[in-house]
Amino acid sequence: MGLDLGVITTRVVAVNRYRYRTLRSIAGWTLVIAIGAILIGFASKNADRFTCEPDPHTVEYGDTLWAIAVVKCDGNIQSVTQNLVDTYGANIQLGDTIWLPINQDCLLENRDGQIWDTCD
């Protein structure tokens, strides 16, 4: 009985093809996951972006902080509204003057009743 090199060669080639396909598949999925992570990071970084008109708003009948933000701002209205609630509280009164943050880098702060625009 001799050694059949044809069978051994065929098996080695089949194993090498399987390993190659496996490695290629792993490399492909690694690339897909890496690109996905980069895109998710980019999207979450830009998710809070907004811009608002720099003019103050005088509260009128029926106004809410959300409604004011919808009319005066573009982008992530929830971020704007959260900053307004943090600054003015949840209760606004008829005739109050509401300043809006210019963008996500310039948020408002209430310091002893005075509104300050702090920019990063």
PDB file of N, CA and C in Angstrom:
ATOM      1  N   MET A   1       0.842  -1.177   0.000  1.00  0.00           N
ATOM      2  CA  MET A   1       0.000   0.000   0.000  1.00  0.00           C
ATOM      3  C   MET A   1       0.882   1.232   0.000  1.00  0.00           C
ATOM      4  N   GLY A   2       0.652   1.993  -0.970  1.00  0.00           N
ATOM      5  CA  GLY A   2       1.425   3.209  -1.047  1.00  0.00           C
ATOM      6  C   GLY A   2       0.589   4.416  -0.629  1.00  0.00           C
ATOM      7  N   LEU A   3       1.241   5.503  -0.460  1.00  0.00           N
ATOM      8  CA  LEU A   3       0.601   6.745  -0.067  1.00  0.00           C
ATOM      9  C   LEU A   3       0.040   7.411  -1.307  1.00  0.00           C
ATOM     10  N   ASP A   4      -1.226   7.745  -1.294  1.00  0.00           N
ATOM     11  CA  ASP A   4      -1.855   8.400  -2.445  1.00  0.00           C
ATOM     12  C   ASP A   4      -1.749   9.910  -2.255  1.00  0.00           C
ATOM     13  N   LEU A   5      -0.781  10.504  -2.919  1.00  0.00           N
ATOM     14  CA  LEU A   5      -0.544  11.936  -2.768  1.00  0.00           C
ATOM     15  C   LEU A   5      -1.683  12.776  -3.333  1.00  0.00           C
ATOM     16  N   GLY A   6      -2.415  12.241  -4.256  1.00  0.00           N
ATOM     17  CA  GLY A   6      -3.552  12.978  -4.829  1.00  0.00           C
ATOM     18  C   GLY A   6      -4.630  13.225  -3.802  1.00  0.00           C
ATOM     19  N   VAL A   7      -4.935  12.226  -2.990  1.00  0.00           N
ATOM     20  CA  VAL A   7      -5.960  12.364  -1.947  1.00  0.00           C
ATOM     21  C   VAL A   7      -5.488  13.326  -0.875  1.00  0.00           C
ATOM     22  N   ILE A   8      -4.230  13.188  -0.464  1.00  0.00           N
ATOM     23  CA  ILE A   8      -3.680  14.083   0.565  1.00  0.00           C
ATOM     24  C   ILE A   8      -3.661  15.517   0.062  1.00  0.00           C
ATOM     25  N   THR A   9      -3.224  15.720  -1.171  1.00  0.00           N
ATOM     26  CA  THR A   9      -3.183  17.060  -1.752  1.00  0.00           C
ATOM     27  C   THR A   9      -4.577  17.659  -1.827  1.00  0.00           C
ATOM     28  N   THR A  10      -5.553  16.865  -2.209  1.00  0.00           N
ATOM     29  CA  THR A  10      -6.929  17.349  -2.299  1.00  0.00           C
ATOM     30  C   THR A  10      -7.446  17.768  -0.925  1.00  0.00           C
ATOM     31  N   ARG A  11      -7.151  16.968   0.085  1.00  0.00           N
ATOM     32  CA  ARG A  11      -7.587  17.302   1.447  1.00  0.00           C
ATOM     33  C   ARG A  11      -6.906  18.569   1.959  1.00  0.00           C
ATOM     34  N   VAL A  12      -5.619  18.714   1.697  1.00  0.00           N
ATOM     35  CA  VAL A  12      -4.883  19.908   2.127  1.00  0.00           C
ATOM     36  C   VAL A  12      -5.452  21.141   1.436  1.00  0.00           C
ATOM     37  N   VAL A  13      -5.707  21.034   0.154  1.00  0.00           N
ATOM     38  CA  VAL A  13      -6.278  22.163  -0.589  1.00  0.00           C
ATOM     39  C   VAL A  13      -7.657  22.503  -0.042  1.00  0.00           C
ATOM     40  N   ALA A  14      -8.478  21.473   0.250  1.00  0.00           N
ATOM     41  CA  ALA A  14      -9.821  21.716   0.786  1.00  0.00           C
ATOM     42  C   ALA A  14      -9.737  22.405   2.147  1.00  0.00           C
ATOM     43  N   VAL A  15      -8.815  21.947   2.992  1.00  0.00           N
ATOM     44  CA  VAL A  15      -8.639  22.567   4.314  1.00  0.00           C
ATOM     45  C   VAL A  15      -8.162  23.995   4.152  1.00  0.00           C
ATOM     46  N   ASN A  16      -7.235  24.240   3.271  1.00  0.00           N
ATOM     47  CA  ASN A  16      -6.729  25.592   3.057  1.00  0.00           C
ATOM     48  C   ASN A  16      -7.822  26.516   2.518  1.00  0.00           C
ATOM     49  N   ARG A  17      -8.665  26.010   1.618  1.00  0.00           N
ATOM     50  CA  ARG A  17      -9.779  26.823   1.110  1.00  0.00           C
ATOM     51  C   ARG A  17     -10.746  27.164   2.235  1.00  0.00           C
ATOM     52  N   TYR A  18     -11.034  26.178   3.083  1.00  0.00           N
ATOM     53  CA  TYR A  18     -11.932  26.413   4.208  1.00  0.00           C
ATOM     54  C   TYR A  18     -11.350  27.468   5.144  1.00  0.00           C
ATOM     55  N   ARG A  19     -10.064  27.333   5.470  1.00  0.00           N
ATOM     56  CA  ARG A  19      -9.411  28.333   6.340  1.00  0.00           C
ATOM     57  C   ARG A  19      -9.422  29.706   5.686  1.00  0.00           C
ATOM     58  N   TYR A  20      -9.123  29.758   4.404  1.00  0.00           N
ATOM     59  CA  TYR A  20      -9.117  31.035   3.681  1.00  0.00           C
ATOM     60  C   TYR A  20     -10.491  31.688   3.733  1.00  0.00           C
ATOM     61  N   ARG A  21     -11.548  30.905   3.466  1.00  0.00           N
ATOM     62  CA  ARG A  21     -12.910  31.449   3.503  1.00  0.00           C
ATOM     63  C   ARG A  21     -13.267  31.913   4.908  1.00  0.00           C
ATOM     64  N   THR A  22     -12.868  31.133   5.901  1.00  0.00           N
ATOM     65  CA  THR A  22     -13.149  31.510   7.286  1.00  0.00           C
ATOM     66  C   THR A  22     -12.440  32.812   7.648  1.00  0.00           C
ATOM     67  N   LEU A  23     -11.162  32.898   7.310  1.00  0.00           N
ATOM     68  CA  LEU A  23     -10.403  34.121   7.608  1.00  0.00           C
ATOM     69  C   LEU A  23     -10.961  35.319   6.842  1.00  0.00           C
ATOM     70  N   ARG A  24     -11.333  35.089   5.597  1.00  0.00           N
ATOM     71  CA  ARG A  24     -11.912  36.173   4.799  1.00  0.00           C
ATOM     72  C   ARG A  24     -13.238  36.624   5.404  1.00  0.00           C
ATOM     73  N   SER A  25     -14.027  35.675   5.860  1.00  0.00           N
ATOM     74  CA  SER A  25     -15.307  36.010   6.497  1.00  0.00           C
ATOM     75  C   SER A  25     -15.086  36.783   7.791  1.00  0.00           C
ATOM     76  N   ILE A  26     -14.143  36.335   8.605  1.00  0.00           N
ATOM     77  CA  ILE A  26     -13.836  37.035   9.863  1.00  0.00           C
ATOM     78  C   ILE A  26     -13.342  38.441   9.574  1.00  0.00           C
ATOM     79  N   ALA A  27     -12.467  38.587   8.601  1.00  0.00           N
ATOM     80  CA  ALA A  27     -11.951  39.916   8.237  1.00  0.00           C
ATOM     81  C   ALA A  27     -13.075  40.822   7.737  1.00  0.00           C
ATOM     82  N   GLY A  28     -13.973  40.260   6.944  1.00  0.00           N
ATOM     83  CA  GLY A  28     -15.100  41.047   6.428  1.00  0.00           C
ATOM     84  C   GLY A  28     -16.015  41.520   7.543  1.00  0.00           C
ATOM     85  N   TRP A  29     -16.357  40.612   8.454  1.00  0.00           N
ATOM     86  CA  TRP A  29     -17.236  40.996   9.571  1.00  0.00           C
ATOM     87  C   TRP A  29     -16.551  41.988  10.508  1.00  0.00           C
ATOM     88  N   THR A  30     -15.249  41.839  10.702  1.00  0.00           N
ATOM     89  CA  THR A  30     -14.508  42.794  11.526  1.00  0.00           C
ATOM     90  C   THR A  30     -14.574  44.181  10.903  1.00  0.00           C
ATOM     91  N   LEU A  31     -14.422  44.243   9.608  1.00  0.00           N
ATOM     92  CA  LEU A  31     -14.503  45.525   8.899  1.00  0.00           C
ATOM     93  C   LEU A  31     -15.899  46.129   9.019  1.00  0.00           C
ATOM     94  N   VAL A  32     -16.926  45.321   8.851  1.00  0.00           N
ATOM     95  CA  VAL A  32     -18.308  45.799   8.965  1.00  0.00           C
ATOM     96  C   VAL A  32     -18.576  46.336  10.377  1.00  0.00           C
ATOM     97  N   ILE A  33     -18.128  45.620  11.392  1.00  0.00           N
ATOM     98  CA  ILE A  33     -18.334  46.054  12.777  1.00  0.00           C
ATOM     99  C   ILE A  33     -17.574  47.340  13.054  1.00  0.00           C
ATOM    100  N   ALA A  34     -16.349  47.448  12.567  1.00  0.00           N
ATOM    101  CA  ALA A  34     -15.556  48.663  12.783  1.00  0.00           C
ATOM    102  C   ALA A  34     -16.212  49.876  12.125  1.00  0.00           C
ATOM    103  N   ILE A  35     -16.661  49.716  10.896  1.00  0.00           N
ATOM    104  CA  ILE A  35     -17.332  50.825  10.204  1.00  0.00           C
ATOM    105  C   ILE A  35     -18.620  51.190  10.927  1.00  0.00           C
ATOM    106  N   GLY A  36     -19.368  50.189  11.379  1.00  0.00           N
ATOM    107  CA  GLY A  36     -20.598  50.452  12.126  1.00  0.00           C
ATOM    108  C   GLY A  36     -20.332  51.220  13.405  1.00  0.00           C
ATOM    109  N   ALA A  37     -19.292  50.857  14.136  1.00  0.00           N
ATOM    110  CA  ALA A  37     -18.946  51.552  15.375  1.00  0.00           C
ATOM    111  C   ALA A  37     -18.573  53.005  15.099  1.00  0.00           C
ATOM    112  N   ILE A  38     -17.845  53.229  14.029  1.00  0.00           N
ATOM    113  CA  ILE A  38     -17.471  54.607  13.661  1.00  0.00           C
ATOM    114  C   ILE A  38     -18.713  55.420  13.319  1.00  0.00           C
ATOM    115  N   LEU A  39     -19.619  54.846  12.542  1.00  0.00           N
ATOM    116  CA  LEU A  39     -20.836  55.560  12.163  1.00  0.00           C
ATOM    117  C   LEU A  39     -21.731  55.836  13.362  1.00  0.00           C
ATOM    118  N   ILE A  40     -21.840  54.880  14.275  1.00  0.00           N
ATOM    119  CA  ILE A  40     -22.650  55.093  15.480  1.00  0.00           C
ATOM    120  C   ILE A  40     -22.033  56.190  16.331  1.00  0.00           C
ATOM    121  N   GLY A  41     -20.725  56.195  16.466  1.00  0.00           N
ATOM    122  CA  GLY A  41     -20.052  57.256  17.217  1.00  0.00           C
ATOM    123  C   GLY A  41     -20.276  58.615  16.589  1.00  0.00           C
ATOM    124  N   PHE A  42     -20.200  58.689  15.270  1.00  0.00           N
ATOM    125  CA  PHE A  42     -20.429  59.953  14.572  1.00  0.00           C
ATOM    126  C   PHE A  42     -21.868  60.409  14.745  1.00  0.00           C
ATOM    127  N   ALA A  43     -22.811  59.477  14.615  1.00  0.00           N
ATOM    128  CA  ALA A  43     -24.230  59.824  14.746  1.00  0.00           C
ATOM    129  C   ALA A  43     -24.565  60.286  16.149  1.00  0.00           C
ATOM    130  N   SER A  44     -24.027  59.611  17.171  1.00  0.00           N
ATOM    131  CA  SER A  44     -24.346  60.017  18.539  1.00  0.00           C
ATOM    132  C   SER A  44     -23.703  61.355  18.871  1.00  0.00           C
ATOM    133  N   LYS A  45     -22.561  61.645  18.290  1.00  0.00           N
ATOM    134  CA  LYS A  45     -21.904  62.937  18.525  1.00  0.00           C
ATOM    135  C   LYS A  45     -22.744  64.070  17.945  1.00  0.00           C
ATOM    136  N   ASN A  46     -23.360  63.831  16.798  1.00  0.00           N
ATOM    137  CA  ASN A  46     -24.144  64.863  16.134  1.00  0.00           C
ATOM    138  C   ASN A  46     -25.618  64.857  16.524  1.00  0.00           C
ATOM    139  N   ALA A  47     -26.017  63.897  17.339  1.00  0.00           N
ATOM    140  CA  ALA A  47     -27.435  63.755  17.685  1.00  0.00           C
ATOM    141  C   ALA A  47     -27.953  64.926  18.513  1.00  0.00           C
ATOM    142  N   ASP A  48     -27.106  65.569  19.301  1.00  0.00           N
ATOM    143  CA  ASP A  48     -27.541  66.655  20.175  1.00  0.00           C
ATOM    144  C   ASP A  48     -27.423  68.033  19.525  1.00  0.00           C
ATOM    145  N   ARG A  49     -27.072  68.103  18.274  1.00  0.00           N
ATOM    146  CA  ARG A  49     -26.854  69.393  17.617  1.00  0.00           C
ATOM    147  C   ARG A  49     -28.156  70.167  17.433  1.00  0.00           C
ATOM    148  N   PHE A  50     -28.072  71.471  17.647  1.00  0.00           N
ATOM    149  CA  PHE A  50     -29.204  72.354  17.394  1.00  0.00           C
ATOM    150  C   PHE A  50     -28.702  73.780  17.240  1.00  0.00           C
ATOM    151  N   THR A  51     -29.531  74.623  16.637  1.00  0.00           N
ATOM    152  CA  THR A  51     -29.285  76.064  16.571  1.00  0.00           C
ATOM    153  C   THR A  51     -30.604  76.767  16.852  1.00  0.00           C
ATOM    154  N   CYS A  52     -30.517  77.897  17.530  1.00  0.00           N
ATOM    155  CA  CYS A  52     -31.712  78.672  17.868  1.00  0.00           C
ATOM    156  C   CYS A  52     -31.509  80.131  17.479  1.00  0.00           C
ATOM    157  N   GLU A  53     -32.624  80.812  17.266  1.00  0.00           N
ATOM    158  CA  GLU A  53     -32.566  82.248  17.014  1.00  0.00           C
ATOM    159  C   GLU A  53     -32.033  82.940  18.264  1.00  0.00           C
ATOM    160  N   PRO A  54     -31.176  83.954  18.087  1.00  0.00           N
ATOM    161  CA  PRO A  54     -30.571  84.596  19.260  1.00  0.00           C
ATOM    162  C   PRO A  54     -31.497  85.591  19.980  1.00  0.00           C
ATOM    163  N   ASP A  55     -32.641  85.916  19.389  1.00  0.00           N
ATOM    164  CA  ASP A  55     -33.537  86.898  19.992  1.00  0.00           C
ATOM    165  C   ASP A  55     -34.325  86.303  21.153  1.00  0.00           C
ATOM    166  N   PRO A  56     -34.591  87.087  22.198  1.00  0.00           N
ATOM    167  CA  PRO A  56     -35.394  86.572  23.309  1.00  0.00           C
ATOM    168  C   PRO A  56     -36.859  86.390  22.888  1.00  0.00           C
ATOM    169  N   HIS A  57     -37.575  85.575  23.632  1.00  0.00           N
ATOM    170  CA  HIS A  57     -38.989  85.321  23.362  1.00  0.00           C
ATOM    171  C   HIS A  57     -39.790  85.743  24.589  1.00  0.00           C
ATOM    172  N   THR A  58     -40.846  86.521  24.372  1.00  0.00           N
ATOM    173  CA  THR A  58     -41.753  86.885  25.463  1.00  0.00           C
ATOM    174  C   THR A  58     -42.881  85.858  25.486  1.00  0.00           C
ATOM    175  N   VAL A  59     -43.081  85.250  26.657  1.00  0.00           N
ATOM    176  CA  VAL A  59     -44.067  84.187  26.797  1.00  0.00           C
ATOM    177  C   VAL A  59     -45.472  84.732  26.576  1.00  0.00           C
ATOM    178  N   GLU A  60     -46.207  84.058  25.692  1.00  0.00           N
ATOM    179  CA  GLU A  60     -47.589  84.420  25.390  1.00  0.00           C
ATOM    180  C   GLU A  60     -48.515  83.321  25.904  1.00  0.00           C
ATOM    181  N   TYR A  61     -49.794  83.583  25.890  1.00  0.00           N
ATOM    182  CA  TYR A  61     -50.779  82.620  26.363  1.00  0.00           C
ATOM    183  C   TYR A  61     -50.646  81.313  25.593  1.00  0.00           C
ATOM    184  N   GLY A  62     -50.540  80.203  26.306  1.00  0.00           N
ATOM    185  CA  GLY A  62     -50.464  78.884  25.689  1.00  0.00           C
ATOM    186  C   GLY A  62     -49.053  78.415  25.360  1.00  0.00           C
ATOM    187  N   ASP A  63     -48.050  79.272  25.538  1.00  0.00           N
ATOM    188  CA  ASP A  63     -46.668  78.871  25.246  1.00  0.00           C
ATOM    189  C   ASP A  63     -46.176  77.810  26.231  1.00  0.00           C
ATOM    190  N   THR A  64     -45.396  76.897  25.720  1.00  0.00           N
ATOM    191  CA  THR A  64     -44.638  75.958  26.543  1.00  0.00           C
ATOM    192  C   THR A  64     -43.189  76.061  26.096  1.00  0.00           C
ATOM    193  N   LEU A  65     -42.282  75.584  26.927  1.00  0.00           N
ATOM    194  CA  LEU A  65     -40.870  75.631  26.537  1.00  0.00           C
ATOM    195  C   LEU A  65     -40.639  74.800  25.268  1.00  0.00           C
ATOM    196  N   TRP A  66     -41.337  73.670  25.174  1.00  0.00           N
ATOM    197  CA  TRP A  66     -41.216  72.841  23.975  1.00  0.00           C
ATOM    198  C   TRP A  66     -41.698  73.601  22.737  1.00  0.00           C
ATOM    199  N   ALA A  67     -42.862  74.247  22.836  1.00  0.00           N
ATOM    200  CA  ALA A  67     -43.432  74.975  21.699  1.00  0.00           C
ATOM    201  C   ALA A  67     -42.527  76.137  21.280  1.00  0.00           C
ATOM    202  N   ILE A  68     -41.952  76.803  22.255  1.00  0.00           N
ATOM    203  CA  ILE A  68     -41.022  77.905  21.937  1.00  0.00           C
ATOM    204  C   ILE A  68     -39.809  77.354  21.202  1.00  0.00           C
ATOM    205  N   ALA A  69     -39.267  76.245  21.685  1.00  0.00           N
ATOM    206  CA  ALA A  69     -38.098  75.631  21.044  1.00  0.00           C
ATOM    207  C   ALA A  69     -38.408  75.174  19.621  1.00  0.00           C
ATOM    208  N   VAL A  70     -39.604  74.633  19.396  1.00  0.00           N
ATOM    209  CA  VAL A  70     -39.988  74.177  18.057  1.00  0.00           C
ATOM    210  C   VAL A  70     -40.024  75.340  17.076  1.00  0.00           C
ATOM    211  N   VAL A  71     -40.536  76.483  17.524  1.00  0.00           N
ATOM    212  CA  VAL A  71     -40.658  77.647  16.643  1.00  0.00           C
ATOM    213  C   VAL A  71     -39.312  78.336  16.431  1.00  0.00           C
ATOM    214  N   LYS A  72     -38.492  78.423  17.469  1.00  0.00           N
ATOM    215  CA  LYS A  72     -37.266  79.227  17.414  1.00  0.00           C
ATOM    216  C   LYS A  72     -35.992  78.449  17.093  1.00  0.00           C
ATOM    217  N   CYS A  73     -36.056  77.113  17.090  1.00  0.00           N
ATOM    218  CA  CYS A  73     -34.832  76.321  16.951  1.00  0.00           C
ATOM    219  C   CYS A  73     -34.955  75.257  15.858  1.00  0.00           C
ATOM    220  N   ASP A  74     -33.804  74.823  15.370  1.00  0.00           N
ATOM    221  CA  ASP A  74     -33.701  73.705  14.434  1.00  0.00           C
ATOM    222  C   ASP A  74     -32.777  72.661  15.042  1.00  0.00           C
ATOM    223  N   GLY A  75     -33.050  71.398  14.773  1.00  0.00           N
ATOM    224  CA  GLY A  75     -32.191  70.334  15.279  1.00  0.00           C
ATOM    225  C   GLY A  75     -32.867  69.573  16.402  1.00  0.00           C
ATOM    226  N   ASN A  76     -32.099  69.190  17.407  1.00  0.00           N
ATOM    227  CA  ASN A  76     -32.581  68.371  18.511  1.00  0.00           C
ATOM    228  C   ASN A  76     -33.361  69.229  19.515  1.00  0.00           C
ATOM    229  N   ILE A  77     -34.663  69.268  19.349  1.00  0.00           N
ATOM    230  CA  ILE A  77     -35.544  70.092  20.194  1.00  0.00           C
ATOM    231  C   ILE A  77     -35.533  69.590  21.633  1.00  0.00           C
ATOM    232  N   GLN A  78     -35.372  68.300  21.836  1.00  0.00           N
ATOM    233  CA  GLN A  78     -35.347  67.765  23.196  1.00  0.00           C
ATOM    234  C   GLN A  78     -34.168  68.324  23.981  1.00  0.00           C
ATOM    235  N   SER A  79     -32.994  68.454  23.354  1.00  0.00           N
ATOM    236  CA  SER A  79     -31.828  69.021  24.032  1.00  0.00           C
ATOM    237  C   SER A  79     -32.063  70.483  24.392  1.00  0.00           C
ATOM    238  N   VAL A  80     -32.667  71.228  23.465  1.00  0.00           N
ATOM    239  CA  VAL A  80     -32.983  72.639  23.732  1.00  0.00           C
ATOM    240  C   VAL A  80     -33.937  72.746  24.908  1.00  0.00           C
ATOM    241  N   THR A  81     -35.018  71.969  24.860  1.00  0.00           N
ATOM    242  CA  THR A  81     -36.035  72.027  25.899  1.00  0.00           C
ATOM    243  C   THR A  81     -35.461  71.639  27.257  1.00  0.00           C
ATOM    244  N   GLN A  82     -34.597  70.625  27.287  1.00  0.00           N
ATOM    245  CA  GLN A  82     -33.984  70.223  28.557  1.00  0.00           C
ATOM    246  C   GLN A  82     -33.142  71.350  29.126  1.00  0.00           C
ATOM    247  N   ASN A  83     -32.385  72.045  28.269  1.00  0.00           N
ATOM    248  CA  ASN A  83     -31.595  73.177  28.743  1.00  0.00           C
ATOM    249  C   ASN A  83     -32.495  74.299  29.260  1.00  0.00           C
ATOM    250  N   LEU A  84     -33.624  74.538  28.581  1.00  0.00           N
ATOM    251  CA  LEU A  84     -34.567  75.573  29.035  1.00  0.00           C
ATOM    252  C   LEU A  84     -35.191  75.197  30.379  1.00  0.00           C
ATOM    253  N   VAL A  85     -35.565  73.943  30.555  1.00  0.00           N
ATOM    254  CA  VAL A  85     -36.132  73.499  31.839  1.00  0.00           C
ATOM    255  C   VAL A  85     -35.084  73.615  32.943  1.00  0.00           C
ATOM    256  N   ASP A  86     -33.848  73.230  32.646  1.00  0.00           N
ATOM    257  CA  ASP A  86     -32.776  73.361  33.637  1.00  0.00           C
ATOM    258  C   ASP A  86     -32.540  74.814  34.022  1.00  0.00           C
ATOM    259  N   THR A  87     -32.738  75.714  33.078  1.00  0.00           N
ATOM    260  CA  THR A  87     -32.472  77.136  33.313  1.00  0.00           C
ATOM    261  C   THR A  87     -33.649  77.852  33.957  1.00  0.00           C
ATOM    262  N   TYR A  88     -34.851  77.660  33.417  1.00  0.00           N
ATOM    263  CA  TYR A  88     -36.019  78.429  33.851  1.00  0.00           C
ATOM    264  C   TYR A  88     -36.967  77.663  34.768  1.00  0.00           C
ATOM    265  N   GLY A  89     -36.781  76.367  34.873  1.00  0.00           N
ATOM    266  CA  GLY A  89     -37.736  75.545  35.609  1.00  0.00           C
ATOM    267  C   GLY A  89     -38.878  75.165  34.680  1.00  0.00           C
ATOM    268  N   ALA A  90     -39.772  74.345  35.178  1.00  0.00           N
ATOM    269  CA  ALA A  90     -40.857  73.840  34.336  1.00  0.00           C
ATOM    270  C   ALA A  90     -41.990  74.837  34.189  1.00  0.00           C
ATOM    271  N   ASN A  91     -42.100  75.798  35.100  1.00  0.00           N
ATOM    272  CA  ASN A  91     -43.220  76.747  35.075  1.00  0.00           C
ATOM    273  C   ASN A  91     -42.769  78.101  34.550  1.00  0.00           C
ATOM    274  N   ILE A  92     -43.318  78.475  33.396  1.00  0.00           N
ATOM    275  CA  ILE A  92     -43.070  79.813  32.869  1.00  0.00           C
ATOM    276  C   ILE A  92     -44.376  80.595  32.968  1.00  0.00           C
ATOM    277  N   GLN A  93     -44.256  81.897  33.110  1.00  0.00           N
ATOM    278  CA  GLN A  93     -45.426  82.747  33.305  1.00  0.00           C
ATOM    279  C   GLN A  93     -45.626  83.672  32.098  1.00  0.00           C
ATOM    280  N   LEU A  94     -46.849  84.050  31.881  1.00  0.00           N
ATOM    281  CA  LEU A  94     -47.191  84.994  30.830  1.00  0.00           C
ATOM    282  C   LEU A  94     -46.351  86.256  31.001  1.00  0.00           C
ATOM    283  N   GLY A  95     -45.680  86.681  29.942  1.00  0.00           N
ATOM    284  CA  GLY A  95     -44.861  87.891  29.988  1.00  0.00           C
ATOM    285  C   GLY A  95     -43.396  87.653  30.326  1.00  0.00           C
ATOM    286  N   ASP A  96     -43.040  86.439  30.771  1.00  0.00           N
ATOM    287  CA  ASP A  96     -41.624  86.131  31.040  1.00  0.00           C
ATOM    288  C   ASP A  96     -40.810  86.280  29.758  1.00  0.00           C
ATOM    289  N   THR A  97     -39.576  86.705  29.904  1.00  0.00           N
ATOM    290  CA  THR A  97     -38.662  86.762  28.764  1.00  0.00           C
ATOM    291  C   THR A  97     -37.784  85.523  28.802  1.00  0.00           C
ATOM    292  N   ILE A  98     -37.824  84.770  27.718  1.00  0.00           N
ATOM    293  CA  ILE A  98     -37.071  83.520  27.609  1.00  0.00           C
ATOM    294  C   ILE A  98     -35.954  83.707  26.582  1.00  0.00           C
ATOM    295  N   TRP A  99     -34.723  83.519  27.049  1.00  0.00           N
ATOM    296  CA  TRP A  99     -33.584  83.488  26.133  1.00  0.00           C
ATOM    297  C   TRP A  99     -33.333  82.046  25.759  1.00  0.00           C
ATOM    298  N   LEU A 100     -32.953  81.826  24.534  1.00  0.00           N
ATOM    299  CA  LEU A 100     -32.671  80.468  24.067  1.00  0.00           C
ATOM    300  C   LEU A 100     -31.176  80.292  23.840  1.00  0.00           C
ATOM    301  N   PRO A 101     -30.664  79.075  24.064  1.00  0.00           N
ATOM    302  CA  PRO A 101     -29.253  78.835  23.759  1.00  0.00           C
ATOM    303  C   PRO A 101     -29.034  78.951  22.248  1.00  0.00           C
ATOM    304  N   ILE A 102     -27.905  79.499  21.852  1.00  0.00           N
ATOM    305  CA  ILE A 102     -27.625  79.685  20.427  1.00  0.00           C
ATOM    306  C   ILE A 102     -27.404  78.341  19.735  1.00  0.00           C
ATOM    307  N   ASN A 103     -26.666  77.449  20.380  1.00  0.00           N
ATOM    308  CA  ASN A 103     -26.423  76.103  19.855  1.00  0.00           C
ATOM    309  C   ASN A 103     -26.016  75.187  21.000  1.00  0.00           C
ATOM    310  N   GLN A 104     -25.693  73.942  20.683  1.00  0.00           N
ATOM    311  CA  GLN A 104     -25.372  72.953  21.710  1.00  0.00           C
ATOM    312  C   GLN A 104     -24.086  73.276  22.465  1.00  0.00           C
ATOM    313  N   ASP A 105     -23.246  74.144  21.916  1.00  0.00           N
ATOM    314  CA  ASP A 105     -22.000  74.518  22.590  1.00  0.00           C
ATOM    315  C   ASP A 105     -22.159  75.745  23.484  1.00  0.00           C
ATOM    316  N   CYS A 106     -23.289  76.433  23.382  1.00  0.00           N
ATOM    317  CA  CYS A 106     -23.542  77.638  24.179  1.00  0.00           C
ATOM    318  C   CYS A 106     -24.842  77.464  24.953  1.00  0.00           C
ATOM    319  N   LEU A 107     -24.755  76.816  26.095  1.00  0.00           N
ATOM    320  CA  LEU A 107     -25.944  76.554  26.883  1.00  0.00           C
ATOM    321  C   LEU A 107     -26.186  77.654  27.908  1.00  0.00           C
ATOM    322  N   LEU A 108     -27.426  77.728  28.375  1.00  0.00           N
ATOM    323  CA  LEU A 108     -27.814  78.743  29.348  1.00  0.00           C
ATOM    324  C   LEU A 108     -27.645  78.225  30.766  1.00  0.00           C
ATOM    325  N   GLU A 109     -27.345  79.146  31.681  1.00  0.00           N
ATOM    326  CA  GLU A 109     -27.280  78.821  33.106  1.00  0.00           C
ATOM    327  C   GLU A 109     -27.991  79.920  33.878  1.00  0.00           C
ATOM    328  N   ASN A 110     -28.687  79.518  34.935  1.00  0.00           N
ATOM    329  CA  ASN A 110     -29.346  80.466  35.822  1.00  0.00           C
ATOM    330  C   ASN A 110     -28.475  80.611  37.061  1.00  0.00           C
ATOM    331  N   ARG A 111     -27.850  81.775  37.198  1.00  0.00           N
ATOM    332  CA  ARG A 111     -26.987  82.049  38.352  1.00  0.00           C
ATOM    333  C   ARG A 111     -27.631  83.144  39.188  1.00  0.00           C
ATOM    334  N   ASP A 112     -28.225  82.747  40.284  1.00  0.00           N
ATOM    335  CA  ASP A 112     -28.876  83.689  41.200  1.00  0.00           C
ATOM    336  C   ASP A 112     -29.885  84.580  40.488  1.00  0.00           C
ATOM    337  N   GLY A 113     -30.690  83.969  39.612  1.00  0.00           N
ATOM    338  CA  GLY A 113     -31.742  84.702  38.918  1.00  0.00           C
ATOM    339  C   GLY A 113     -31.306  85.395  37.639  1.00  0.00           C
ATOM    340  N   GLN A 114     -30.026  85.373  37.342  1.00  0.00           N
ATOM    341  CA  GLN A 114     -29.534  85.962  36.091  1.00  0.00           C
ATOM    342  C   GLN A 114     -29.192  84.832  35.113  1.00  0.00           C
ATOM    343  N   ILE A 115     -29.552  85.050  33.852  1.00  0.00           N
ATOM    344  CA  ILE A 115     -29.321  84.040  32.813  1.00  0.00           C
ATOM    345  C   ILE A 115     -27.979  84.327  32.133  1.00  0.00           C
ATOM    346  N   TRP A 116     -27.138  83.323  32.117  1.00  0.00           N
ATOM    347  CA  TRP A 116     -25.818  83.423  31.496  1.00  0.00           C
ATOM    348  C   TRP A 116     -25.721  82.428  30.352  1.00  0.00           C
ATOM    349  N   ASP A 117     -25.089  82.877  29.290  1.00  0.00           N
ATOM    350  CA  ASP A 117     -24.838  82.041  28.116  1.00  0.00           C
ATOM    351  C   ASP A 117     -23.397  81.557  28.211  1.00  0.00           C
ATOM    352  N   THR A 118     -23.187  80.266  28.470  1.00  0.00           N
ATOM    353  CA  THR A 118     -21.831  79.748  28.610  1.00  0.00           C
ATOM    354  C   THR A 118     -21.488  78.916  27.385  1.00  0.00           C
ATOM    355  N   CYS A 119     -20.424  79.304  26.706  1.00  0.00           N
ATOM    356  CA  CYS A 119     -20.016  78.617  25.479  1.00  0.00           C
ATOM    357  C   CYS A 119     -18.723  77.848  25.708  1.00  0.00           C
ATOM    358  N   ASP A 120     -18.669  76.641  25.159  1.00  0.00           N
ATOM    359  CA  ASP A 120     -17.442  75.833  25.235  1.00  0.00           C
ATOM    360  C   ASP A 120     -16.528  76.181  24.103  1.00  0.00           C
TER     361      ASP A 120
END
